[in-house]
């Protein structure tokens, strides 16, 4: 095993110990009346302004592969998302939101908190992940409601996520092409139910009336976009 891999495992172990004692912080999110989506707090700005170095990001990401897997392809069962090919801006937003306690993820927090990664290193990881290929091996649904999924997606989702699911880096809208069906469905439910506290309010409003069947249809349709 390479020396830097051992070092990263050592630091991850320490982070786990620290995480057990120091719980993820909690800051108000969408449940607050004065919630501001994608608020530009200091360390998010630092990470966004930093020039990410993919080579350093690759090293830093090694400790994350236990969950997100080699190549950041995630898991088909939706427990961990595919990060390969995601916009760096989106990744920075999500990582810093976890650190700030705006997105609840106590399992990830020990690996992403300020004792493990500096804002510049967050930029390194995000830049590395953005450049990774997203192979056409992502999990998909049963394919039985694709017409319904397309109709809903074109009407309600394409304006932000794009006709082919590529998102918008400048606006922090995530790429959904190549993502696992089970993860898309899980997060859509959490957003609809206002359980994902760093959610985009307009999206919550749009999908609030969706049934579980509607969410499943859209998730299945999105999971079938070409990954490129």
C-alpha atoms as a PDB file:
ATOM      1  CA  UNK A   1       0.000   0.000   0.000  1.00  0.00           C
ATOM      2  CA  UNK A   2       1.318   3.457  -0.908  1.00  0.00           C
ATOM      3  CA  UNK A   3       2.495   5.736   1.880  1.00  0.00           C
ATOM      4  CA  UNK A   4      -0.022   8.489   1.097  1.00  0.00           C
ATOM      5  CA  UNK A   5      -2.850   5.929   1.232  1.00  0.00           C
ATOM      6  CA  UNK A   6      -1.772   4.905   4.723  1.00  0.00           C
ATOM      7  CA  UNK A   7      -1.615   8.538   5.774  1.00  0.00           C
ATOM      8  CA  UNK A   8      -5.127   9.199   4.473  1.00  0.00           C
ATOM      9  CA  UNK A   9      -6.507   6.131   6.250  1.00  0.00           C
ATOM     10  CA  UNK A  10      -4.829   7.284   9.457  1.00  0.00           C
ATOM     11  CA  UNK A  11      -6.368  10.742   9.193  1.00  0.00           C
ATOM     12  CA  UNK A  12      -9.764   9.256   8.338  1.00  0.00           C
ATOM     13  CA  UNK A  13      -9.590   7.136  11.465  1.00  0.00           C
ATOM     14  CA  UNK A  14      -8.798  10.204  13.517  1.00  0.00           C
ATOM     15  CA  UNK A  15     -11.662  12.037  11.839  1.00  0.00           C
ATOM     16  CA  UNK A  16     -13.999   9.208  12.761  1.00  0.00           C
ATOM     17  CA  UNK A  17     -12.969   9.454  16.385  1.00  0.00           C
ATOM     18  CA  UNK A  18     -13.407  13.227  16.323  1.00  0.00           C
ATOM     19  CA  UNK A  19     -16.756  12.841  14.561  1.00  0.00           C
ATOM     20  CA  UNK A  20     -18.002  10.505  17.266  1.00  0.00           C
ATOM     21  CA  UNK A  21     -17.266  13.146  19.896  1.00  0.00           C
ATOM     22  CA  UNK A  22     -18.115  16.245  17.854  1.00  0.00           C
ATOM     23  CA  UNK A  23     -21.390  15.845  16.029  1.00  0.00           C
ATOM     24  CA  UNK A  24     -22.094  17.553  12.745  1.00  0.00           C
ATOM     25  CA  UNK A  25     -23.104  21.172  13.387  1.00  0.00           C
ATOM     26  CA  UNK A  26     -26.658  22.271  12.677  1.00  0.00           C
ATOM     27  CA  UNK A  27     -27.515  25.485  10.892  1.00  0.00           C
ATOM     28  CA  UNK A  28     -30.994  26.458   9.832  1.00  0.00           C
ATOM     29  CA  UNK A  29     -31.962  25.502   6.333  1.00  0.00           C
ATOM     30  CA  UNK A  30     -35.134  25.478   4.285  1.00  0.00           C
ATOM     31  CA  UNK A  31     -37.217  25.216   7.443  1.00  0.00           C
ATOM     32  CA  UNK A  32     -36.223  28.793   8.377  1.00  0.00           C
ATOM     33  CA  UNK A  33     -38.249  31.769   7.161  1.00  0.00           C
ATOM     34  CA  UNK A  34     -35.127  33.693   6.160  1.00  0.00           C
ATOM     35  CA  UNK A  35     -33.452  30.743   4.384  1.00  0.00           C
ATOM     36  CA  UNK A  36     -31.194  31.760   1.501  1.00  0.00           C
ATOM     37  CA  UNK A  37     -30.412  28.984  -0.957  1.00  0.00           C
ATOM     38  CA  UNK A  38     -26.725  28.653  -1.806  1.00  0.00           C
ATOM     39  CA  UNK A  39     -25.728  31.355   0.636  1.00  0.00           C
ATOM     40  CA  UNK A  40     -22.164  32.457  -0.111  1.00  0.00           C
ATOM     41  CA  UNK A  41     -20.539  32.083   3.292  1.00  0.00           C
ATOM     42  CA  UNK A  42     -16.769  32.485   3.661  1.00  0.00           C
ATOM     43  CA  UNK A  43     -15.339  29.014   3.136  1.00  0.00           C
ATOM     44  CA  UNK A  44     -17.614  28.285   0.191  1.00  0.00           C
ATOM     45  CA  UNK A  45     -16.298  31.418  -1.494  1.00  0.00           C
ATOM     46  CA  UNK A  46     -12.738  30.378  -0.648  1.00  0.00           C
ATOM     47  CA  UNK A  47     -13.214  26.977  -2.247  1.00  0.00           C
ATOM     48  CA  UNK A  48     -14.931  28.423  -5.318  1.00  0.00           C
ATOM     49  CA  UNK A  49     -12.150  30.936  -5.849  1.00  0.00           C
ATOM     50  CA  UNK A  50      -9.362  28.390  -5.405  1.00  0.00           C
ATOM     51  CA  UNK A  51      -7.692  26.834  -8.430  1.00  0.00           C
ATOM     52  CA  UNK A  52      -8.333  23.148  -7.893  1.00  0.00           C
ATOM     53  CA  UNK A  53      -5.502  20.724  -8.620  1.00  0.00           C
ATOM     54  CA  UNK A  54      -6.830  17.350  -9.860  1.00  0.00           C
ATOM     55  CA  UNK A  55      -3.645  15.481  -8.911  1.00  0.00           C
ATOM     56  CA  UNK A  56      -3.981  16.565  -5.295  1.00  0.00           C
ATOM     57  CA  UNK A  57      -7.696  15.886  -5.422  1.00  0.00           C
ATOM     58  CA  UNK A  58      -7.092  12.318  -6.566  1.00  0.00           C
ATOM     59  CA  UNK A  59      -4.943  11.662  -3.518  1.00  0.00           C
ATOM     60  CA  UNK A  60      -7.430  13.277  -1.149  1.00  0.00           C
ATOM     61  CA  UNK A  61     -10.298  11.288  -2.661  1.00  0.00           C
ATOM     62  CA  UNK A  62      -8.710   7.909  -1.944  1.00  0.00           C
ATOM     63  CA  UNK A  63     -10.217   7.776   1.520  1.00  0.00           C
ATOM     64  CA  UNK A  64     -13.692   8.432   0.028  1.00  0.00           C
ATOM     65  CA  UNK A  65     -13.606   5.392  -2.249  1.00  0.00           C
ATOM     66  CA  UNK A  66     -14.823   3.061   0.471  1.00  0.00           C
ATOM     67  CA  UNK A  67     -18.265   4.623   0.055  1.00  0.00           C
ATOM     68  CA  UNK A  68     -18.251   6.291  -3.358  1.00  0.00           C
ATOM     69  CA  UNK A  69     -16.122   3.543  -4.929  1.00  0.00           C
ATOM     70  CA  UNK A  70     -13.126   3.767  -7.252  1.00  0.00           C
ATOM     71  CA  UNK A  71     -13.712   6.255 -10.025  1.00  0.00           C
ATOM     72  CA  UNK A  72     -16.457   7.873  -7.910  1.00  0.00           C
ATOM     73  CA  UNK A  73     -19.111   5.801  -9.681  1.00  0.00           C
ATOM     74  CA  UNK A  74     -21.244   5.478  -6.535  1.00  0.00           C
ATOM     75  CA  UNK A  75     -23.530   2.555  -5.767  1.00  0.00           C
ATOM     76  CA  UNK A  76     -26.432   1.327  -7.859  1.00  0.00           C
ATOM     77  CA  UNK A  77     -28.623   0.867  -4.768  1.00  0.00           C
ATOM     78  CA  UNK A  78     -28.530   4.628  -4.217  1.00  0.00           C
ATOM     79  CA  UNK A  79     -26.803   4.604  -0.836  1.00  0.00           C
ATOM     80  CA  UNK A  80     -23.968   6.696  -2.292  1.00  0.00           C
ATOM     81  CA  UNK A  81     -24.271   8.970  -5.331  1.00  0.00           C
ATOM     82  CA  UNK A  82     -22.149   8.945  -8.424  1.00  0.00           C
ATOM     83  CA  UNK A  83     -19.816  11.937  -8.198  1.00  0.00           C
ATOM     84  CA  UNK A  84     -17.855  11.341 -11.404  1.00  0.00           C
ATOM     85  CA  UNK A  85     -18.534  14.084 -13.933  1.00  0.00           C
ATOM     86  CA  UNK A  86     -20.498  16.274 -11.531  1.00  0.00           C
ATOM     87  CA  UNK A  87     -19.908  20.023 -11.771  1.00  0.00           C
ATOM     88  CA  UNK A  88     -17.167  21.216  -9.420  1.00  0.00           C
ATOM     89  CA  UNK A  89     -19.356  24.104  -8.271  1.00  0.00           C
ATOM     90  CA  UNK A  90     -22.112  21.700  -7.239  1.00  0.00           C
ATOM     91  CA  UNK A  91     -19.661  19.455  -5.404  1.00  0.00           C
ATOM     92  CA  UNK A  92     -18.168  22.430  -3.553  1.00  0.00           C
ATOM     93  CA  UNK A  93     -21.629  23.622  -2.563  1.00  0.00           C
ATOM     94  CA  UNK A  94     -22.632  20.244  -1.208  1.00  0.00           C
ATOM     95  CA  UNK A  95     -19.386  19.598   0.670  1.00  0.00           C
ATOM     96  CA  UNK A  96     -19.384  23.001   2.307  1.00  0.00           C
ATOM     97  CA  UNK A  97     -23.083  22.685   3.147  1.00  0.00           C
ATOM     98  CA  UNK A  98     -22.335  19.413   4.932  1.00  0.00           C
ATOM     99  CA  UNK A  99     -19.497  21.076   6.839  1.00  0.00           C
ATOM    100  CA  UNK A 100     -21.700  24.000   7.812  1.00  0.00           C
ATOM    101  CA  UNK A 101     -24.588  21.772   8.893  1.00  0.00           C
ATOM    102  CA  UNK A 102     -26.980  22.960   6.210  1.00  0.00           C
ATOM    103  CA  UNK A 103     -27.140  19.493   4.666  1.00  0.00           C
ATOM    104  CA  UNK A 104     -27.478  16.657   7.154  1.00  0.00           C
ATOM    105  CA  UNK A 105     -24.928  13.918   6.530  1.00  0.00           C
ATOM    106  CA  UNK A 106     -23.346  12.820   9.817  1.00  0.00           C
ATOM    107  CA  UNK A 107     -21.608   9.870   8.139  1.00  0.00           C
ATOM    108  CA  UNK A 108     -19.775  12.060   5.630  1.00  0.00           C
ATOM    109  CA  UNK A 109     -19.066  14.905   8.016  1.00  0.00           C
ATOM    110  CA  UNK A 110     -15.965  13.383   9.709  1.00  0.00           C
ATOM    111  CA  UNK A 111     -14.347  12.938   6.297  1.00  0.00           C
ATOM    112  CA  UNK A 112     -15.122  16.460   5.104  1.00  0.00           C
ATOM    113  CA  UNK A 113     -14.846  18.666   8.166  1.00  0.00           C
ATOM    114  CA  UNK A 114     -12.303  21.433   8.664  1.00  0.00           C
ATOM    115  CA  UNK A 115      -9.897  19.183  10.575  1.00  0.00           C
ATOM    116  CA  UNK A 116      -9.508  17.004   7.477  1.00  0.00           C
ATOM    117  CA  UNK A 117      -9.871  19.318   4.464  1.00  0.00           C
ATOM    118  CA  UNK A 118      -9.056  22.969   3.906  1.00  0.00           C
ATOM    119  CA  UNK A 119     -11.291  24.908   1.492  1.00  0.00           C
ATOM    120  CA  UNK A 120      -8.542  24.734  -1.137  1.00  0.00           C
ATOM    121  CA  UNK A 121      -8.487  20.940  -0.796  1.00  0.00           C
ATOM    122  CA  UNK A 122     -12.245  20.826  -1.306  1.00  0.00           C
ATOM    123  CA  UNK A 123     -11.600  22.580  -4.617  1.00  0.00           C
ATOM    124  CA  UNK A 124      -8.920  19.974  -5.445  1.00  0.00           C
ATOM    125  CA  UNK A 125     -11.337  17.087  -4.848  1.00  0.00           C
ATOM    126  CA  UNK A 126     -14.168  18.773  -6.754  1.00  0.00           C
ATOM    127  CA  UNK A 127     -11.940  19.500  -9.758  1.00  0.00           C
ATOM    128  CA  UNK A 128     -10.691  15.920  -9.820  1.00  0.00           C
ATOM    129  CA  UNK A 129     -14.211  14.485  -9.656  1.00  0.00           C
ATOM    130  CA  UNK A 130     -15.557  16.786 -12.348  1.00  0.00           C
ATOM    131  CA  UNK A 131     -12.974  15.450 -14.817  1.00  0.00           C
ATOM    132  CA  UNK A 132     -13.734  11.774 -14.172  1.00  0.00           C
ATOM    133  CA  UNK A 133     -15.705   9.865 -16.828  1.00  0.00           C
ATOM    134  CA  UNK A 134     -19.225   8.762 -15.972  1.00  0.00           C
ATOM    135  CA  UNK A 135     -19.691   5.322 -17.570  1.00  0.00           C
ATOM    136  CA  UNK A 136     -23.127   4.134 -18.780  1.00  0.00           C
ATOM    137  CA  UNK A 137     -23.408   1.619 -15.934  1.00  0.00           C
ATOM    138  CA  UNK A 138     -25.604   3.628 -13.603  1.00  0.00           C
ATOM    139  CA  UNK A 139     -28.637   2.029 -11.999  1.00  0.00           C
ATOM    140  CA  UNK A 140     -31.983   2.496 -13.727  1.00  0.00           C
ATOM    141  CA  UNK A 141     -35.624   1.898 -12.918  1.00  0.00           C
ATOM    142  CA  UNK A 142     -38.050  -0.579 -14.460  1.00  0.00           C
ATOM    143  CA  UNK A 143     -38.672   1.545 -17.563  1.00  0.00           C
ATOM    144  CA  UNK A 144     -42.461   1.228 -17.319  1.00  0.00           C
ATOM    145  CA  UNK A 145     -43.338   4.912 -16.887  1.00  0.00           C
ATOM    146  CA  UNK A 146     -40.791   6.644 -19.120  1.00  0.00           C
ATOM    147  CA  UNK A 147     -43.400   8.549 -21.150  1.00  0.00           C
ATOM    148  CA  UNK A 148     -44.880   9.991 -17.953  1.00  0.00           C
ATOM    149  CA  UNK A 149     -41.385  10.727 -16.622  1.00  0.00           C
ATOM    150  CA  UNK A 150     -40.402  12.563 -19.800  1.00  0.00           C
ATOM    151  CA  UNK A 151     -43.575  14.663 -19.747  1.00  0.00           C
ATOM    152  CA  UNK A 152     -42.979  15.748 -16.145  1.00  0.00           C
ATOM    153  CA  UNK A 153     -39.267  16.309 -16.689  1.00  0.00           C
ATOM    154  CA  UNK A 154     -39.746  18.437 -19.799  1.00  0.00           C
ATOM    155  CA  UNK A 155     -42.432  20.505 -18.080  1.00  0.00           C
ATOM    156  CA  UNK A 156     -40.868  20.991 -14.645  1.00  0.00           C
ATOM    157  CA  UNK A 157     -37.185  20.049 -14.605  1.00  0.00           C
ATOM    158  CA  UNK A 158     -35.510  20.773 -17.934  1.00  0.00           C
ATOM    159  CA  UNK A 159     -35.361  24.531 -17.355  1.00  0.00           C
ATOM    160  CA  UNK A 160     -32.782  24.022 -14.599  1.00  0.00           C
ATOM    161  CA  UNK A 161     -31.265  20.595 -15.222  1.00  0.00           C
ATOM    162  CA  UNK A 162     -31.197  20.915 -19.011  1.00  0.00           C
ATOM    163  CA  UNK A 163     -32.878  18.934 -21.785  1.00  0.00           C
ATOM    164  CA  UNK A 164     -30.250  16.205 -21.503  1.00  0.00           C
ATOM    165  CA  UNK A 165     -29.734  16.373 -17.752  1.00  0.00           C
ATOM    166  CA  UNK A 166     -26.378  18.123 -17.804  1.00  0.00           C
ATOM    167  CA  UNK A 167     -27.298  20.803 -15.261  1.00  0.00           C
ATOM    168  CA  UNK A 168     -25.708  24.242 -15.072  1.00  0.00           C
ATOM    169  CA  UNK A 169     -22.348  24.756 -13.402  1.00  0.00           C
ATOM    170  CA  UNK A 170     -22.676  28.541 -13.193  1.00  0.00           C
ATOM    171  CA  UNK A 171     -26.058  28.315 -11.454  1.00  0.00           C
ATOM    172  CA  UNK A 172     -25.105  25.369  -9.189  1.00  0.00           C
ATOM    173  CA  UNK A 173     -27.754  23.121 -10.742  1.00  0.00           C
ATOM    174  CA  UNK A 174     -26.483  19.534 -10.596  1.00  0.00           C
ATOM    175  CA  UNK A 175     -25.937  17.249 -13.508  1.00  0.00           C
ATOM    176  CA  UNK A 176     -28.405  14.359 -13.246  1.00  0.00           C
ATOM    177  CA  UNK A 177     -27.235  12.456 -16.348  1.00  0.00           C
ATOM    178  CA  UNK A 178     -25.420   9.311 -15.263  1.00  0.00           C
ATOM    179  CA  UNK A 179     -26.763   9.384 -11.717  1.00  0.00           C
ATOM    180  CA  UNK A 180     -28.244   6.233 -10.179  1.00  0.00           C
ATOM    181  CA  UNK A 181     -32.024   5.885 -10.293  1.00  0.00           C
ATOM    182  CA  UNK A 182     -32.276   4.881  -6.628  1.00  0.00           C
ATOM    183  CA  UNK A 183     -30.308   7.929  -5.504  1.00  0.00           C
ATOM    184  CA  UNK A 184     -32.336  10.294  -7.693  1.00  0.00           C
ATOM    185  CA  UNK A 185     -35.542   8.853  -6.272  1.00  0.00           C
ATOM    186  CA  UNK A 186     -34.357   9.026  -2.669  1.00  0.00           C
ATOM    187  CA  UNK A 187     -33.204  12.627  -2.905  1.00  0.00           C
ATOM    188  CA  UNK A 188     -36.314  13.702  -4.828  1.00  0.00           C
ATOM    189  CA  UNK A 189     -38.454  12.341  -2.012  1.00  0.00           C
ATOM    190  CA  UNK A 190     -36.322  14.093   0.590  1.00  0.00           C
ATOM    191  CA  UNK A 191     -36.576  17.393  -1.300  1.00  0.00           C
ATOM    192  CA  UNK A 192     -40.346  17.076  -1.795  1.00  0.00           C
ATOM    193  CA  UNK A 193     -40.780  16.324   1.895  1.00  0.00           C
ATOM    194  CA  UNK A 194     -38.452  19.239   2.900  1.00  0.00           C
ATOM    195  CA  UNK A 195     -36.130  16.730   4.597  1.00  0.00           C
ATOM    196  CA  UNK A 196     -33.114  17.856   2.574  1.00  0.00           C
ATOM    197  CA  UNK A 197     -32.508  21.138   4.313  1.00  0.00           C
ATOM    198  CA  UNK A 198     -30.258  22.750   1.702  1.00  0.00           C
ATOM    199  CA  UNK A 199     -32.788  22.175  -1.093  1.00  0.00           C
ATOM    200  CA  UNK A 200     -33.643  24.745  -3.741  1.00  0.00           C
ATOM    201  CA  UNK A 201     -37.006  26.249  -2.684  1.00  0.00           C
ATOM    202  CA  UNK A 202     -38.314  26.511  -6.247  1.00  0.00           C
ATOM    203  CA  UNK A 203     -37.727  22.803  -6.770  1.00  0.00           C
ATOM    204  CA  UNK A 204     -39.525  21.985  -3.540  1.00  0.00           C
ATOM    205  CA  UNK A 205     -42.484  24.055  -4.724  1.00  0.00           C
ATOM    206  CA  UNK A 206     -42.570  22.392  -8.141  1.00  0.00           C
ATOM    207  CA  UNK A 207     -42.427  18.782  -6.968  1.00  0.00           C
ATOM    208  CA  UNK A 208     -44.508  19.184  -3.811  1.00  0.00           C
ATOM    209  CA  UNK A 209     -47.642  17.868  -5.587  1.00  0.00           C
ATOM    210  CA  UNK A 210     -45.784  14.853  -7.059  1.00  0.00           C
ATOM    211  CA  UNK A 211     -46.853  11.399  -5.942  1.00  0.00           C
ATOM    212  CA  UNK A 212     -44.255   8.718  -5.232  1.00  0.00           C
ATOM    213  CA  UNK A 213     -45.121   7.238  -8.637  1.00  0.00           C
ATOM    214  CA  UNK A 214     -44.432  10.615 -10.312  1.00  0.00           C
ATOM    215  CA  UNK A 215     -41.050  10.872  -8.602  1.00  0.00           C
ATOM    216  CA  UNK A 216     -40.166   7.332  -9.634  1.00  0.00           C
ATOM    217  CA  UNK A 217     -41.107   8.019 -13.254  1.00  0.00           C
ATOM    218  CA  UNK A 218     -38.994  11.172 -13.440  1.00  0.00           C
ATOM    219  CA  UNK A 219     -36.056   9.521 -11.674  1.00  0.00           C
ATOM    220  CA  UNK A 220     -36.164   6.612 -14.122  1.00  0.00           C
ATOM    221  CA  UNK A 221     -36.292   8.983 -17.085  1.00  0.00           C
ATOM    222  CA  UNK A 222     -33.346  11.022 -15.770  1.00  0.00           C
ATOM    223  CA  UNK A 223     -31.285   7.907 -15.114  1.00  0.00           C
ATOM    224  CA  UNK A 224     -31.407   7.089 -18.834  1.00  0.00           C
ATOM    225  CA  UNK A 225     -29.772  10.254 -20.140  1.00  0.00           C
ATOM    226  CA  UNK A 226     -26.530   9.674 -22.021  1.00  0.00           C
ATOM    227  CA  UNK A 227     -23.582  10.016 -19.671  1.00  0.00           C
ATOM    228  CA  UNK A 228     -21.025  11.262 -22.238  1.00  0.00           C
END
